N, C-alpha and C. Protein backbone atom coordinates (compact mmCIF):
# COMPACT_ATOMS: atom_id res chain seq x y z
N UNK A 1 -17.42 1.96 -57.75
CA UNK A 1 -16.08 2.45 -57.97
C UNK A 1 -16.14 3.95 -58.24
N UNK A 2 -15.21 4.68 -57.76
CA UNK A 2 -15.20 6.13 -57.94
C UNK A 2 -14.86 6.48 -59.37
N UNK A 3 -15.37 7.63 -59.77
CA UNK A 3 -15.07 8.09 -61.13
C UNK A 3 -13.60 8.47 -61.23
N UNK A 4 -13.03 8.23 -62.39
CA UNK A 4 -11.66 8.64 -62.64
C UNK A 4 -11.70 9.94 -63.44
N UNK A 5 -11.22 11.00 -62.83
CA UNK A 5 -11.23 12.31 -63.47
C UNK A 5 -9.81 12.82 -63.53
N UNK A 6 -9.41 13.25 -64.69
CA UNK A 6 -8.08 13.83 -64.84
C UNK A 6 -8.11 15.22 -64.23
N UNK A 7 -7.17 15.50 -63.37
CA UNK A 7 -7.17 16.77 -62.65
C UNK A 7 -6.47 17.84 -63.49
N UNK A 8 -7.23 18.40 -64.39
CA UNK A 8 -6.72 19.49 -65.22
C UNK A 8 -7.63 20.69 -65.00
N UNK A 9 -7.04 21.85 -64.88
CA UNK A 9 -7.89 23.02 -64.70
C UNK A 9 -8.71 23.27 -65.96
N UNK A 10 -9.97 23.63 -65.77
CA UNK A 10 -10.82 23.89 -66.92
C UNK A 10 -10.30 25.11 -67.67
N UNK A 11 -10.52 25.10 -68.98
CA UNK A 11 -9.95 26.17 -69.82
C UNK A 11 -10.55 27.52 -69.49
N UNK A 12 -11.85 27.54 -69.16
CA UNK A 12 -12.46 28.83 -68.82
C UNK A 12 -11.91 29.37 -67.51
N UNK A 13 -11.56 28.49 -66.59
CA UNK A 13 -10.97 28.93 -65.33
C UNK A 13 -9.59 29.53 -65.58
N UNK A 14 -8.80 28.89 -66.43
CA UNK A 14 -7.47 29.40 -66.75
C UNK A 14 -7.58 30.74 -67.48
N UNK A 15 -8.50 30.83 -68.42
CA UNK A 15 -8.67 32.09 -69.16
C UNK A 15 -9.10 33.21 -68.23
N UNK A 16 -10.01 32.90 -67.32
CA UNK A 16 -10.46 33.91 -66.36
C UNK A 16 -9.32 34.36 -65.46
N UNK A 17 -8.53 33.40 -65.00
CA UNK A 17 -7.41 33.74 -64.12
C UNK A 17 -6.40 34.61 -64.84
N UNK A 18 -6.10 34.29 -66.09
CA UNK A 18 -5.14 35.11 -66.85
C UNK A 18 -5.69 36.50 -67.09
N UNK A 19 -6.96 36.59 -67.43
CA UNK A 19 -7.56 37.90 -67.69
C UNK A 19 -7.57 38.73 -66.40
N UNK A 20 -7.91 38.09 -65.29
CA UNK A 20 -7.94 38.82 -64.02
C UNK A 20 -6.54 39.23 -63.59
N UNK A 21 -5.57 38.39 -63.84
CA UNK A 21 -4.20 38.73 -63.50
C UNK A 21 -3.72 39.92 -64.32
N UNK A 22 -4.13 39.96 -65.58
CA UNK A 22 -3.72 41.06 -66.45
C UNK A 22 -4.36 42.38 -66.02
N UNK A 23 -5.56 42.31 -65.47
CA UNK A 23 -6.26 43.52 -65.08
C UNK A 23 -5.77 44.09 -63.75
N UNK A 24 -5.06 43.29 -62.95
CA UNK A 24 -4.56 43.72 -61.63
C UNK A 24 -5.68 44.33 -60.80
N UNK A 25 -6.61 43.49 -60.42
CA UNK A 25 -7.77 43.93 -59.64
C UNK A 25 -7.37 44.31 -58.21
N UNK A 26 -8.30 44.92 -57.53
CA UNK A 26 -8.05 45.30 -56.14
C UNK A 26 -8.03 44.05 -55.26
N UNK A 27 -7.56 44.18 -54.03
CA UNK A 27 -7.43 43.00 -53.16
C UNK A 27 -8.74 42.26 -52.91
N UNK A 28 -9.86 43.00 -52.78
CA UNK A 28 -11.14 42.34 -52.54
C UNK A 28 -11.53 41.46 -53.73
N UNK A 29 -11.32 41.96 -54.94
CA UNK A 29 -11.66 41.19 -56.14
C UNK A 29 -10.77 39.96 -56.26
N UNK A 30 -9.52 40.08 -55.84
CA UNK A 30 -8.62 38.91 -55.88
C UNK A 30 -9.07 37.85 -54.87
N UNK A 31 -9.56 38.27 -53.72
CA UNK A 31 -10.06 37.32 -52.73
C UNK A 31 -11.29 36.60 -53.29
N UNK A 32 -12.19 37.34 -53.94
CA UNK A 32 -13.38 36.75 -54.54
C UNK A 32 -12.98 35.76 -55.62
N UNK A 33 -11.98 36.11 -56.44
CA UNK A 33 -11.50 35.21 -57.48
C UNK A 33 -10.93 33.93 -56.85
N UNK A 34 -10.16 34.09 -55.77
CA UNK A 34 -9.60 32.93 -55.09
C UNK A 34 -10.70 32.01 -54.58
N UNK A 35 -11.72 32.57 -53.96
CA UNK A 35 -12.82 31.77 -53.43
C UNK A 35 -13.54 31.05 -54.57
N UNK A 36 -13.75 31.74 -55.70
CA UNK A 36 -14.39 31.10 -56.85
C UNK A 36 -13.56 29.93 -57.37
N UNK A 37 -12.25 30.11 -57.42
CA UNK A 37 -11.38 29.04 -57.88
C UNK A 37 -11.37 27.86 -56.90
N UNK A 38 -11.42 28.15 -55.60
CA UNK A 38 -11.48 27.08 -54.61
C UNK A 38 -12.76 26.28 -54.77
N UNK A 39 -13.88 26.96 -54.97
CA UNK A 39 -15.16 26.27 -55.15
C UNK A 39 -15.13 25.42 -56.41
N UNK A 40 -14.54 25.94 -57.48
CA UNK A 40 -14.43 25.18 -58.73
C UNK A 40 -13.59 23.92 -58.52
N UNK A 41 -12.50 24.02 -57.78
CA UNK A 41 -11.67 22.85 -57.52
C UNK A 41 -12.37 21.86 -56.60
N UNK A 42 -13.14 22.34 -55.64
CA UNK A 42 -13.86 21.45 -54.73
C UNK A 42 -14.93 20.64 -55.45
N UNK A 43 -15.47 21.18 -56.54
CA UNK A 43 -16.45 20.43 -57.32
C UNK A 43 -15.83 19.23 -58.02
N UNK A 44 -14.51 19.23 -58.19
CA UNK A 44 -13.81 18.12 -58.84
C UNK A 44 -13.55 16.96 -57.88
N UNK A 45 -13.69 17.20 -56.58
CA UNK A 45 -13.38 16.18 -55.58
C UNK A 45 -14.40 15.04 -55.68
N UNK A 46 -13.90 13.83 -55.71
CA UNK A 46 -14.76 12.65 -55.78
C UNK A 46 -14.67 11.93 -54.45
N UNK A 47 -15.81 11.76 -53.79
CA UNK A 47 -15.85 11.08 -52.50
C UNK A 47 -15.69 9.58 -52.72
N UNK A 48 -14.97 8.91 -51.82
CA UNK A 48 -14.82 7.45 -51.96
C UNK A 48 -16.15 6.74 -51.69
N UNK A 49 -16.29 5.57 -52.29
CA UNK A 49 -17.48 4.77 -52.02
C UNK A 49 -17.37 4.17 -50.62
N UNK A 50 -18.45 3.58 -50.15
CA UNK A 50 -18.45 2.98 -48.82
C UNK A 50 -17.42 1.86 -48.73
N UNK A 51 -17.34 1.06 -49.77
CA UNK A 51 -16.39 -0.05 -49.80
C UNK A 51 -14.94 0.46 -49.78
N UNK A 52 -14.65 1.49 -50.58
CA UNK A 52 -13.31 2.08 -50.59
C UNK A 52 -12.97 2.67 -49.22
N UNK A 53 -13.95 3.33 -48.61
CA UNK A 53 -13.72 3.94 -47.30
C UNK A 53 -13.35 2.90 -46.25
N UNK A 54 -14.08 1.76 -46.24
CA UNK A 54 -13.74 0.69 -45.30
C UNK A 54 -12.37 0.10 -45.61
N UNK A 55 -12.06 -0.02 -46.91
CA UNK A 55 -10.74 -0.54 -47.28
C UNK A 55 -9.62 0.38 -46.82
N UNK A 56 -9.78 1.67 -47.05
CA UNK A 56 -8.76 2.64 -46.63
C UNK A 56 -8.60 2.62 -45.11
N UNK A 57 -9.74 2.54 -44.40
CA UNK A 57 -9.70 2.51 -42.94
C UNK A 57 -8.96 1.28 -42.44
N UNK A 58 -9.22 0.13 -43.07
CA UNK A 58 -8.54 -1.11 -42.67
C UNK A 58 -7.04 -1.00 -42.90
N UNK A 59 -6.64 -0.43 -44.02
CA UNK A 59 -5.21 -0.27 -44.31
C UNK A 59 -4.55 0.62 -43.26
N UNK A 60 -5.20 1.70 -42.90
CA UNK A 60 -4.63 2.61 -41.90
C UNK A 60 -4.53 1.92 -40.54
N UNK A 61 -5.56 1.20 -40.15
CA UNK A 61 -5.52 0.53 -38.84
C UNK A 61 -4.44 -0.54 -38.80
N UNK A 62 -4.29 -1.32 -39.87
CA UNK A 62 -3.24 -2.34 -39.91
C UNK A 62 -1.87 -1.67 -39.85
N UNK A 63 -1.68 -0.58 -40.58
CA UNK A 63 -0.40 0.13 -40.55
C UNK A 63 -0.10 0.64 -39.14
N UNK A 64 -1.10 1.21 -38.48
CA UNK A 64 -0.90 1.72 -37.12
C UNK A 64 -0.54 0.59 -36.17
N UNK A 65 -1.22 -0.55 -36.29
CA UNK A 65 -0.90 -1.70 -35.42
C UNK A 65 0.52 -2.21 -35.66
N UNK A 66 0.93 -2.26 -36.92
CA UNK A 66 2.30 -2.70 -37.23
C UNK A 66 3.31 -1.73 -36.64
N UNK A 67 3.06 -0.44 -36.78
CA UNK A 67 4.00 0.55 -36.24
C UNK A 67 4.03 0.50 -34.71
N UNK A 68 2.86 0.26 -34.08
CA UNK A 68 2.84 0.12 -32.62
C UNK A 68 3.65 -1.08 -32.18
N UNK A 69 3.52 -2.19 -32.90
CA UNK A 69 4.29 -3.39 -32.57
C UNK A 69 5.79 -3.14 -32.75
N UNK A 70 6.14 -2.43 -33.79
CA UNK A 70 7.55 -2.11 -34.04
C UNK A 70 8.12 -1.24 -32.92
N UNK A 71 7.40 -0.20 -32.55
CA UNK A 71 7.87 0.69 -31.48
C UNK A 71 7.92 -0.06 -30.16
N UNK A 72 6.92 -0.90 -29.87
CA UNK A 72 6.93 -1.69 -28.64
C UNK A 72 8.14 -2.62 -28.62
N UNK A 73 8.40 -3.28 -29.73
CA UNK A 73 9.54 -4.19 -29.81
C UNK A 73 10.86 -3.47 -29.60
N UNK A 74 11.02 -2.31 -30.25
CA UNK A 74 12.25 -1.54 -30.06
C UNK A 74 12.38 -1.05 -28.62
N UNK A 75 11.29 -0.58 -28.04
CA UNK A 75 11.32 -0.10 -26.66
C UNK A 75 11.68 -1.25 -25.71
N UNK A 76 11.05 -2.38 -25.88
CA UNK A 76 11.34 -3.53 -25.03
C UNK A 76 12.80 -3.98 -25.21
N UNK A 77 13.26 -4.03 -26.47
CA UNK A 77 14.63 -4.46 -26.74
C UNK A 77 15.66 -3.51 -26.16
N UNK A 78 15.48 -2.22 -26.38
CA UNK A 78 16.43 -1.25 -25.83
C UNK A 78 16.37 -1.22 -24.31
N UNK A 79 15.17 -1.36 -23.75
CA UNK A 79 15.05 -1.42 -22.29
C UNK A 79 15.80 -2.61 -21.72
N UNK A 80 15.65 -3.77 -22.34
CA UNK A 80 16.36 -4.96 -21.90
C UNK A 80 17.87 -4.77 -22.05
N UNK A 81 18.30 -4.16 -23.17
CA UNK A 81 19.73 -3.93 -23.41
C UNK A 81 20.31 -2.98 -22.36
N UNK A 82 19.61 -1.91 -22.06
CA UNK A 82 20.08 -0.95 -21.04
C UNK A 82 20.12 -1.63 -19.68
N UNK A 83 19.12 -2.43 -19.38
CA UNK A 83 19.10 -3.14 -18.11
C UNK A 83 20.26 -4.14 -18.03
N UNK A 84 20.57 -4.78 -19.11
CA UNK A 84 21.67 -5.75 -19.15
C UNK A 84 23.02 -5.06 -19.01
N UNK A 85 23.18 -3.90 -19.68
CA UNK A 85 24.46 -3.19 -19.64
C UNK A 85 24.67 -2.52 -18.29
N UNK A 86 23.67 -1.83 -17.79
CA UNK A 86 23.84 -1.04 -16.57
C UNK A 86 23.30 -1.70 -15.32
N UNK A 87 22.74 -2.85 -15.44
CA UNK A 87 22.16 -3.52 -14.28
C UNK A 87 20.68 -3.26 -14.23
N UNK A 88 20.01 -3.94 -13.34
CA UNK A 88 18.55 -3.81 -13.30
C UNK A 88 18.08 -2.71 -12.37
N UNK A 89 18.95 -1.88 -11.86
CA UNK A 89 18.55 -0.76 -11.02
C UNK A 89 18.56 -1.08 -9.55
N UNK A 90 18.78 -2.32 -9.18
CA UNK A 90 18.83 -2.66 -7.76
C UNK A 90 20.23 -2.34 -7.23
N UNK A 91 20.36 -2.38 -5.95
CA UNK A 91 21.66 -2.07 -5.34
C UNK A 91 22.49 -3.36 -5.24
N UNK A 92 22.83 -3.95 -6.38
CA UNK A 92 23.55 -5.22 -6.39
C UNK A 92 24.99 -5.06 -5.92
N UNK A 93 25.58 -3.93 -6.20
CA UNK A 93 26.98 -3.74 -5.84
C UNK A 93 27.18 -3.14 -4.46
N UNK A 94 26.10 -2.74 -3.82
CA UNK A 94 26.20 -2.06 -2.53
C UNK A 94 25.96 -3.11 -1.44
N UNK A 95 26.88 -3.13 -0.47
CA UNK A 95 26.70 -4.06 0.66
C UNK A 95 26.11 -3.31 1.84
N UNK A 96 25.32 -3.97 2.58
CA UNK A 96 24.72 -3.32 3.75
C UNK A 96 25.19 -3.92 5.02
């Protein structure tokens, strides 16, 4: 089971960000600060276990299949309705 971590910014990160914001650094230093903060946040990411990954994949595949069936059903139904209302496209009313 994956670890449960509360997503709160670390206090030293917040203090550093406030101090850097107060100093109004140059653009290059702000980019470096941003990259440091991104790396700090990426360390908090918890990868799913193999079992969770298979479970998530199964849920997505089932959802996609259900949505495909729904769209197919609506397409078939509307196609049949249009064919019923306007005819089947043959020249039924035209005499030769």
